[in-house]
C-alpha atoms as a PDB file:
ATOM      1  CA  UNK A   1     303.155   9.278 120.696  1.00  0.00           C
ATOM      2  CA  UNK A   2     300.007   7.253 122.436  1.00  0.00           C
ATOM      3  CA  UNK A   3     296.877   7.797 122.057  1.00  0.00           C
ATOM      4  CA  UNK A   4     295.768   9.167 125.078  1.00  0.00           C
ATOM      5  CA  UNK A   5     298.826  11.729 124.839  1.00  0.00           C
ATOM      6  CA  UNK A   6     297.131  12.702 121.215  1.00  0.00           C
ATOM      7  CA  UNK A   7     294.105  12.824 122.970  1.00  0.00           C
ATOM      8  CA  UNK A   8     295.446  14.851 126.457  1.00  0.00           C
ATOM      9  CA  UNK A   9     297.655  17.725 124.082  1.00  0.00           C
ATOM     10  CA  UNK A  10     294.291  17.940 121.881  1.00  0.00           C
ATOM     11  CA  UNK A  11     292.056  18.670 125.262  1.00  0.00           C
ATOM     12  CA  UNK A  12     295.051  20.909 126.041  1.00  0.00           C
ATOM     13  CA  UNK A  13     294.843  22.764 122.807  1.00  0.00           C
ATOM     14  CA  UNK A  14     291.378  23.236 122.981  1.00  0.00           C
ATOM     15  CA  UNK A  15     291.385  24.801 126.691  1.00  0.00           C
ATOM     16  CA  UNK A  16     294.115  27.113 126.042  1.00  0.00           C
ATOM     17  CA  UNK A  17     292.407  28.375 122.654  1.00  0.00           C
ATOM     18  CA  UNK A  18     288.883  28.315 124.562  1.00  0.00           C
ATOM     19  CA  UNK A  19     290.523  29.986 127.586  1.00  0.00           C
ATOM     20  CA  UNK A  20     291.947  33.004 124.821  1.00  0.00           C
ATOM     21  CA  UNK A  21     288.253  33.135 123.514  1.00  0.00           C
ATOM     22  CA  UNK A  22     286.866  33.569 126.517  1.00  0.00           C
ATOM     23  CA  UNK A  23     289.153  36.515 127.871  1.00  0.00           C
ATOM     24  CA  UNK A  24     289.215  38.003 123.989  1.00  0.00           C
ATOM     25  CA  UNK A  25     285.127  37.498 124.461  1.00  0.00           C
ATOM     26  CA  UNK A  26     284.896  39.389 127.854  1.00  0.00           C
ATOM     27  CA  UNK A  27     287.486  41.840 126.552  1.00  0.00           C
ATOM     28  CA  UNK A  28     285.961  42.583 123.535  1.00  0.00           C
ATOM     29  CA  UNK A  29     282.460  43.177 125.324  1.00  0.00           C
ATOM     30  CA  UNK A  30     283.993  45.668 128.146  1.00  0.00           C
ATOM     31  CA  UNK A  31     285.645  47.463 125.270  1.00  0.00           C
ATOM     32  CA  UNK A  32     282.228  48.151 123.295  1.00  0.00           C
ATOM     33  CA  UNK A  33     280.539  49.751 126.390  1.00  0.00           C
ATOM     34  CA  UNK A  34     283.121  52.361 126.328  1.00  0.00           C
ATOM     35  CA  UNK A  35     280.902  53.746 123.760  1.00  0.00           C
ATOM     36  CA  UNK A  36     277.594  55.019 124.401  1.00  0.00           C
ATOM     37  CA  UNK A  37     275.964  54.363 121.412  1.00  0.00           C
ATOM     38  CA  UNK A  38     276.820  50.604 121.703  1.00  0.00           C
ATOM     39  CA  UNK A  39     274.907  50.597 125.023  1.00  0.00           C
ATOM     40  CA  UNK A  40     271.627  53.085 123.805  1.00  0.00           C
ATOM     41  CA  UNK A  41     271.355  50.351 121.329  1.00  0.00           C
ATOM     42  CA  UNK A  42     270.568  47.459 123.551  1.00  0.00           C
ATOM     43  CA  UNK A  43     268.155  49.664 125.919  1.00  0.00           C
ATOM     44  CA  UNK A  44     263.957  50.099 125.635  1.00  0.00           C
ATOM     45  CA  UNK A  45     262.864  52.769 127.068  1.00  0.00           C
ATOM     46  CA  UNK A  46     263.322  55.194 128.648  1.00  0.00           C
ATOM     47  CA  UNK A  47     266.714  54.523 128.664  1.00  0.00           C
ATOM     48  CA  UNK A  48     266.764  55.546 125.224  1.00  0.00           C
ATOM     49  CA  UNK A  49     264.863  58.870 125.221  1.00  0.00           C
ATOM     50  CA  UNK A  50     267.886  59.947 127.621  1.00  0.00           C
ATOM     51  CA  UNK A  51     270.798  58.674 125.334  1.00  0.00           C
ATOM     52  CA  UNK A  52     268.455  60.668 122.888  1.00  0.00           C
ATOM     53  CA  UNK A  53     268.377  63.798 124.918  1.00  0.00           C
ATOM     54  CA  UNK A  54     271.999  63.626 125.972  1.00  0.00           C
ATOM     55  CA  UNK A  55     273.052  64.075 121.836  1.00  0.00           C
ATOM     56  CA  UNK A  56     271.244  67.685 122.331  1.00  0.00           C
ATOM     57  CA  UNK A  57     272.912  71.060 123.360  1.00  0.00           C
ATOM     58  CA  UNK A  58     272.274  72.364 124.759  1.00  0.00           C
ATOM     59  CA  UNK A  59     271.979  70.438 127.721  1.00  0.00           C
ATOM     60  CA  UNK A  60     269.025  69.571 129.563  1.00  0.00           C
ATOM     61  CA  UNK A  61     269.604  66.592 132.601  1.00  0.00           C
ATOM     62  CA  UNK A  62     272.327  66.437 134.435  1.00  0.00           C
ATOM     63  CA  UNK A  63     273.482  63.254 131.954  1.00  0.00           C
ATOM     64  CA  UNK A  64     273.842  65.377 129.052  1.00  0.00           C
ATOM     65  CA  UNK A  65     275.919  67.782 131.282  1.00  0.00           C
ATOM     66  CA  UNK A  66     278.393  64.388 132.201  1.00  0.00           C
ATOM     67  CA  UNK A  67     278.476  63.551 128.533  1.00  0.00           C
ATOM     68  CA  UNK A  68     279.893  67.081 127.141  1.00  0.00           C
ATOM     69  CA  UNK A  69     282.065  66.507 129.224  1.00  0.00           C
ATOM     70  CA  UNK A  70     283.702  63.234 128.039  1.00  0.00           C
ATOM     71  CA  UNK A  71     281.778  61.508 130.579  1.00  0.00           C
ATOM     72  CA  UNK A  72     280.635  57.647 129.169  1.00  0.00           C
ATOM     73  CA  UNK A  73     276.879  56.013 130.244  1.00  0.00           C
ATOM     74  CA  UNK A  74     279.353  53.450 131.907  1.00  0.00           C
ATOM     75  CA  UNK A  75     281.752  55.755 133.853  1.00  0.00           C
ATOM     76  CA  UNK A  76     278.389  56.694 136.021  1.00  0.00           C
ATOM     77  CA  UNK A  77     276.271  53.187 135.561  1.00  0.00           C
ATOM     78  CA  UNK A  78     279.774  50.614 135.307  1.00  0.00           C
ATOM     79  CA  UNK A  79     280.057  50.546 138.820  1.00  0.00           C
ATOM     80  CA  UNK A  80     283.449  50.687 141.060  1.00  0.00           C
ATOM     81  CA  UNK A  81     285.548  47.329 140.667  1.00  0.00           C
ATOM     82  CA  UNK A  82     285.654  45.010 140.965  1.00  0.00           C
ATOM     83  CA  UNK A  83     282.379  44.032 143.240  1.00  0.00           C
ATOM     84  CA  UNK A  84     280.121  46.272 141.996  1.00  0.00           C
ATOM     85  CA  UNK A  85     281.346  45.898 138.138  1.00  0.00           C
ATOM     86  CA  UNK A  86     280.765  42.425 138.315  1.00  0.00           C
ATOM     87  CA  UNK A  87     277.412  42.855 139.750  1.00  0.00           C
ATOM     88  CA  UNK A  88     276.772  45.115 137.020  1.00  0.00           C
ATOM     89  CA  UNK A  89     277.893  42.816 134.707  1.00  0.00           C
ATOM     90  CA  UNK A  90     275.456  40.465 135.999  1.00  0.00           C
ATOM     91  CA  UNK A  91     272.498  42.630 136.138  1.00  0.00           C
ATOM     92  CA  UNK A  92     273.755  43.251 132.143  1.00  0.00           C
ATOM     93  CA  UNK A  93     273.357  39.690 131.460  1.00  0.00           C
ATOM     94  CA  UNK A  94     270.339  39.297 133.794  1.00  0.00           C
ATOM     95  CA  UNK A  95     268.463  41.615 132.021  1.00  0.00           C
ATOM     96  CA  UNK A  96     269.223  40.506 128.311  1.00  0.00           C
ATOM     97  CA  UNK A  97     268.441  36.849 129.003  1.00  0.00           C
ATOM     98  CA  UNK A  98     264.823  38.570 130.248  1.00  0.00           C
ATOM     99  CA  UNK A  99     264.727  40.613 126.728  1.00  0.00           C
ATOM    100  CA  UNK A 100     265.706  37.524 124.976  1.00  0.00           C
ATOM    101  CA  UNK A 101     262.946  35.451 126.801  1.00  0.00           C
ATOM    102  CA  UNK A 102     260.723  38.185 125.760  1.00  0.00           C
ATOM    103  CA  UNK A 103     259.579  38.529 129.515  1.00  0.00           C
ATOM    104  CA  UNK A 104     261.453  42.108 129.856  1.00  0.00           C
ATOM    105  CA  UNK A 105     259.794  45.443 131.544  1.00  0.00           C
ATOM    106  CA  UNK A 106     258.755  47.589 129.173  1.00  0.00           C
ATOM    107  CA  UNK A 107     259.207  50.468 129.756  1.00  0.00           C
ATOM    108  CA  UNK A 108     262.579  49.447 131.646  1.00  0.00           C
ATOM    109  CA  UNK A 109     262.178  49.026 135.595  1.00  0.00           C
ATOM    110  CA  UNK A 110     265.933  50.246 137.389  1.00  0.00           C
ATOM    111  CA  UNK A 111     266.159  47.948 140.188  1.00  0.00           C
ATOM    112  CA  UNK A 112     269.506  48.991 141.237  1.00  0.00           C
ATOM    113  CA  UNK A 113     270.161  53.193 141.334  1.00  0.00           C
ATOM    114  CA  UNK A 114     273.281  54.138 141.890  1.00  0.00           C
ATOM    115  CA  UNK A 115     274.851  53.596 144.923  1.00  0.00           C
ATOM    116  CA  UNK A 116     277.124  56.898 146.203  1.00  0.00           C
ATOM    117  CA  UNK A 117     280.324  55.435 145.370  1.00  0.00           C
ATOM    118  CA  UNK A 118     279.223  55.808 141.548  1.00  0.00           C
ATOM    119  CA  UNK A 119     278.986  60.032 142.327  1.00  0.00           C
ATOM    120  CA  UNK A 120     281.563  59.954 144.860  1.00  0.00           C
ATOM    121  CA  UNK A 121     284.581  58.027 142.767  1.00  0.00           C
ATOM    122  CA  UNK A 122     283.888  61.934 140.526  1.00  0.00           C
ATOM    123  CA  UNK A 123     282.969  64.212 143.493  1.00  0.00           C
ATOM    124  CA  UNK A 124     284.392  63.557 146.615  1.00  0.00           C
ATOM    125  CA  UNK A 125     285.828  67.165 147.087  1.00  0.00           C
ATOM    126  CA  UNK A 126     282.301  67.547 147.438  1.00  0.00           C
ATOM    127  CA  UNK A 127     281.729  66.667 151.339  1.00  0.00           C
ATOM    128  CA  UNK A 128     285.049  68.898 152.336  1.00  0.00           C
ATOM    129  CA  UNK A 129     283.406  72.473 151.989  1.00  0.00           C
ATOM    130  CA  UNK A 130     280.988  73.178 155.587  1.00  0.00           C
ATOM    131  CA  UNK A 131     279.337  76.257 154.515  1.00  0.00           C
ATOM    132  CA  UNK A 132     276.193  77.227 154.745  1.00  0.00           C
ATOM    133  CA  UNK A 133     275.955  76.615 150.899  1.00  0.00           C
ATOM    134  CA  UNK A 134     276.913  72.908 151.196  1.00  0.00           C
ATOM    135  CA  UNK A 135     276.162  72.133 154.781  1.00  0.00           C
ATOM    136  CA  UNK A 136     273.885  69.018 153.049  1.00  0.00           C
ATOM    137  CA  UNK A 137     276.676  67.999 151.423  1.00  0.00           C
ATOM    138  CA  UNK A 138     279.022  68.519 154.610  1.00  0.00           C
ATOM    139  CA  UNK A 139     276.431  66.635 156.680  1.00  0.00           C
ATOM    140  CA  UNK A 140     275.474  63.318 154.449  1.00  0.00           C
ATOM    141  CA  UNK A 141     277.893  61.194 155.735  1.00  0.00           C
ATOM    142  CA  UNK A 142     276.692  61.184 158.841  1.00  0.00           C
ATOM    143  CA  UNK A 143     273.572  61.146 158.383  1.00  0.00           C
ATOM    144  CA  UNK A 144     274.201  58.015 155.974  1.00  0.00           C
ATOM    145  CA  UNK A 145     276.045  56.816 158.814  1.00  0.00           C
ATOM    146  CA  UNK A 146     273.843  56.888 161.833  1.00  0.00           C
ATOM    147  CA  UNK A 147     271.149  55.789 159.318  1.00  0.00           C
ATOM    148  CA  UNK A 148     272.263  53.277 156.602  1.00  0.00           C
ATOM    149  CA  UNK A 149     269.761  53.288 153.882  1.00  0.00           C
ATOM    150  CA  UNK A 150     267.188  55.332 155.425  1.00  0.00           C
ATOM    151  CA  UNK A 151     269.088  58.606 154.591  1.00  0.00           C
ATOM    152  CA  UNK A 152     268.896  60.116 151.594  1.00  0.00           C
ATOM    153  CA  UNK A 153     271.958  59.179 148.653  1.00  0.00           C
ATOM    154  CA  UNK A 154     273.183  61.811 145.639  1.00  0.00           C
ATOM    155  CA  UNK A 155     270.211  60.381 143.452  1.00  0.00           C
ATOM    156  CA  UNK A 156     267.946  61.599 145.818  1.00  0.00           C
ATOM    157  CA  UNK A 157     267.823  65.128 145.251  1.00  0.00           C
ATOM    158  CA  UNK A 158     270.609  64.823 141.840  1.00  0.00           C
ATOM    159  CA  UNK A 159     267.946  63.428 139.366  1.00  0.00           C
ATOM    160  CA  UNK A 160     270.567  62.435 136.023  1.00  0.00           C
ATOM    161  CA  UNK A 161     267.582  61.836 133.519  1.00  0.00           C
ATOM    162  CA  UNK A 162     265.166  63.774 134.823  1.00  0.00           C
ATOM    163  CA  UNK A 163     264.691  67.271 132.911  1.00  0.00           C
ATOM    164  CA  UNK A 164     265.561  70.476 133.994  1.00  0.00           C
ATOM    165  CA  UNK A 165     263.639  71.721 136.904  1.00  0.00           C
ATOM    166  CA  UNK A 166     263.894  73.700 140.131  1.00  0.00           C
ATOM    167  CA  UNK A 167     267.849  74.067 140.182  1.00  0.00           C
ATOM    168  CA  UNK A 168     268.820  74.473 136.472  1.00  0.00           C
ATOM    169  CA  UNK A 169     272.340  74.683 137.336  1.00  0.00           C
ATOM    170  CA  UNK A 170     272.672  71.194 139.174  1.00  0.00           C
ATOM    171  CA  UNK A 171     269.580  69.793 138.410  1.00  0.00           C
ATOM    172  CA  UNK A 172     267.996  69.478 141.619  1.00  0.00           C
ATOM    173  CA  UNK A 173     263.993  69.407 141.248  1.00  0.00           C
ATOM    174  CA  UNK A 174     262.673  71.504 144.083  1.00  0.00           C
ATOM    175  CA  UNK A 175     259.932  69.136 144.330  1.00  0.00           C
ATOM    176  CA  UNK A 176     261.775  65.938 145.021  1.00  0.00           C
ATOM    177  CA  UNK A 177     265.172  67.620 146.870  1.00  0.00           C
ATOM    178  CA  UNK A 178     262.440  69.652 149.845  1.00  0.00           C
ATOM    179  CA  UNK A 179     261.169  66.437 151.617  1.00  0.00           C
ATOM    180  CA  UNK A 180     265.327  64.998 151.207  1.00  0.00           C
ATOM    181  CA  UNK A 181     265.351  68.517 153.006  1.00  0.00           C
ATOM    182  CA  UNK A 182     262.935  67.962 156.012  1.00  0.00           C
ATOM    183  CA  UNK A 183     264.064  64.453 156.895  1.00  0.00           C
ATOM    184  CA  UNK A 184     267.457  65.188 157.134  1.00  0.00           C
ATOM    185  CA  UNK A 185     266.499  68.301 159.398  1.00  0.00           C
ATOM    186  CA  UNK A 186     263.867  65.961 161.216  1.00  0.00           C
ATOM    187  CA  UNK A 187     266.996  63.358 161.690  1.00  0.00           C
ATOM    188  CA  UNK A 188     269.031  66.226 162.609  1.00  0.00           C
ATOM    189  CA  UNK A 189     266.785  67.608 165.728  1.00  0.00           C
ATOM    190  CA  UNK A 190     266.748  71.346 163.259  1.00  0.00           C
ATOM    191  CA  UNK A 191     263.572  72.945 162.471  1.00  0.00           C
END
């Protein structure tokens, strides 16, 4: 076998090994995301407080309720595959670089609030009932279709990490929901 053939074979083997290690590393990293304590280990305030609070009983916020039902952090914060998931991974990598360089914001600032798709993947049935007790969910898709980002989303009313206030069952703070109700009624012309 010539020197060139040996070098080519060696290069091919090295490339295959790099691919295997790379894919294995990504798979291992993604498997770690399935463990809330792993996610919390990298986060700064206020996320570390949210995680510690979620471990207590009885639940004091919506995230704690989800945790008691075996919903993991990544189930809500991971995004819908593949595009949203990739975007979440890119945001995580960006935040990690900022953290390593010492230029991250402390306490953390959420620059990518949860999109409705992250909630709706488990709660799609919430839009089906047209009753007075559910009219806000029923009409929300129409409002969003008409106004896009200017309309409310799930997180505008349901605060995952805000402790119980207002409607304790759904963790909907009255101080936050009343302006959302007024905005929707203003849009629809109903007072």
